[in-house]
């Protein structure tokens, strides 16, 4: 793979990863808005559906962003021959996104307890 092909593949992978992260943040934002506005009024079945969909969509987007970022890093390693300090960022982002999902669920639980 020449430098041009590497740059094109690397950019495409990071573009797709950024799209996945954007969808993740959109699902988090939407869930928090729903939780804040109507969280106390939801029935148990509505709560299960909303929380289930939120968790599935958010986890899929978090793992998609992680896998695309890791693939881009693997391309970089193949070109350069070694990992550098920033190559671990995908693990940090994945951990932060999973903690974000848990924090959003905790937010909903706290709102529901105030009933």
Protein backbone atom coordinates (compact mmCIF):
# COMPACT_ATOMS: atom_id res chain seq x y z
CA UNK A 1 0.00 0.00 0.00
CA UNK A 2 1.44 3.36 -0.99
CA UNK A 3 1.10 6.56 1.00
CA UNK A 4 -1.82 7.85 -1.05
CA UNK A 5 -3.83 4.64 -0.58
CA UNK A 6 -3.03 4.69 3.14
CA UNK A 7 -4.19 8.30 3.50
CA UNK A 8 -7.41 7.60 1.62
CA UNK A 9 -8.24 4.45 3.63
CA UNK A 10 -7.25 6.10 6.93
CA UNK A 11 -9.43 9.14 6.22
CA UNK A 12 -12.38 6.99 5.19
CA UNK A 13 -12.15 4.91 8.36
CA UNK A 14 -11.91 7.96 10.60
CA UNK A 15 -14.77 9.64 8.76
CA UNK A 16 -16.96 6.59 9.40
CA UNK A 17 -15.81 6.46 13.04
CA UNK A 18 -16.72 10.14 13.52
CA UNK A 19 -20.14 9.43 12.05
CA UNK A 20 -20.62 6.58 14.54
CA UNK A 21 -19.56 8.86 17.40
CA UNK A 22 -22.00 11.52 16.19
CA UNK A 23 -24.82 8.98 16.21
CA UNK A 24 -23.76 7.89 19.69
CA UNK A 25 -23.90 11.47 20.99
CA UNK A 26 -27.25 11.97 19.27
CA UNK A 27 -28.71 8.93 21.01
CA UNK A 28 -27.32 10.07 24.38
CA UNK A 29 -28.70 13.59 23.88
CA UNK A 30 -32.10 12.34 22.77
CA UNK A 31 -32.34 9.93 25.68
CA UNK A 32 -31.40 12.62 28.22
CA UNK A 33 -33.98 15.02 26.77
CA UNK A 34 -36.68 12.34 26.94
CA UNK A 35 -35.61 11.42 30.47
CA UNK A 36 -35.73 15.03 31.62
CA UNK A 37 -39.01 15.96 29.94
CA UNK A 38 -41.14 12.85 30.39
CA UNK A 39 -39.09 10.37 32.44
CA UNK A 40 -41.37 10.62 35.46
CA UNK A 41 -44.52 10.08 33.38
CA UNK A 42 -43.45 6.94 31.53
CA UNK A 43 -45.08 3.64 32.31
CA UNK A 44 -42.88 0.67 33.13
CA UNK A 45 -43.29 -0.84 29.65
CA UNK A 46 -42.51 2.48 27.96
CA UNK A 47 -39.44 2.83 30.14
CA UNK A 48 -38.22 -0.66 29.21
CA UNK A 49 -38.69 0.01 25.48
CA UNK A 50 -36.97 3.41 25.56
CA UNK A 51 -34.08 2.22 27.74
CA UNK A 52 -33.64 -0.96 25.70
CA UNK A 53 -33.52 0.89 22.39
CA UNK A 54 -31.18 3.49 23.84
CA UNK A 55 -28.74 0.90 25.18
CA UNK A 56 -28.73 -1.12 21.95
CA UNK A 57 -28.26 1.87 19.64
CA UNK A 58 -25.64 3.50 21.87
CA UNK A 59 -23.63 0.32 22.31
CA UNK A 60 -23.72 -0.46 18.59
CA UNK A 61 -22.47 3.04 17.77
CA UNK A 62 -19.81 2.93 20.50
CA UNK A 63 -18.45 -0.41 19.30
CA UNK A 64 -18.70 0.63 15.66
CA UNK A 65 -16.66 3.77 16.34
CA UNK A 66 -14.17 1.69 18.32
CA UNK A 67 -13.74 -0.95 15.63
CA UNK A 68 -13.34 1.61 12.84
CA UNK A 69 -10.80 3.55 14.86
CA UNK A 70 -8.88 0.37 15.68
CA UNK A 71 -8.85 -0.58 11.99
CA UNK A 72 -7.40 2.84 11.13
CA UNK A 73 -4.77 2.37 13.83
CA UNK A 74 -3.90 -1.07 12.42
CA UNK A 75 -3.37 0.55 9.03
CA UNK A 76 -1.08 3.11 10.63
CA UNK A 77 0.87 0.38 12.43
CA UNK A 78 1.28 -1.51 9.16
CA UNK A 79 2.71 1.62 7.55
CA UNK A 80 4.89 2.81 10.47
CA UNK A 81 5.72 -0.55 12.02
CA UNK A 82 4.90 0.32 15.65
CA UNK A 83 2.24 1.69 18.00
CA UNK A 84 2.59 5.11 19.57
CA UNK A 85 1.06 6.67 22.68
CA UNK A 86 -2.07 7.96 20.96
CA UNK A 87 -2.99 4.57 19.52
CA UNK A 88 -4.65 3.65 22.83
CA UNK A 89 -7.18 6.47 22.48
CA UNK A 90 -9.80 4.18 20.96
CA UNK A 91 -9.92 2.17 24.22
CA UNK A 92 -10.29 5.35 26.24
CA UNK A 93 -13.12 6.57 23.99
CA UNK A 94 -14.92 3.22 24.22
CA UNK A 95 -14.65 3.24 28.02
CA UNK A 96 -15.89 6.84 28.15
CA UNK A 97 -18.85 6.01 25.91
CA UNK A 98 -19.85 3.01 28.02
CA UNK A 99 -19.60 5.15 31.15
CA UNK A 100 -21.76 7.74 29.34
CA UNK A 101 -24.44 5.11 28.73
CA UNK A 102 -24.38 4.08 32.38
CA UNK A 103 -24.53 7.73 33.49
CA UNK A 104 -27.55 8.38 31.25
CA UNK A 105 -29.35 5.35 32.69
CA UNK A 106 -28.51 6.57 36.21
CA UNK A 107 -29.96 9.96 35.29
CA UNK A 108 -33.25 8.29 34.32
CA UNK A 109 -33.28 6.21 37.51
CA UNK A 110 -32.73 9.33 39.63
CA UNK A 111 -35.57 11.14 37.89
CA UNK A 112 -37.91 8.18 38.35
CA UNK A 113 -37.14 7.99 42.10
CA UNK A 114 -38.32 11.58 42.57
CA UNK A 115 -41.90 10.55 41.74
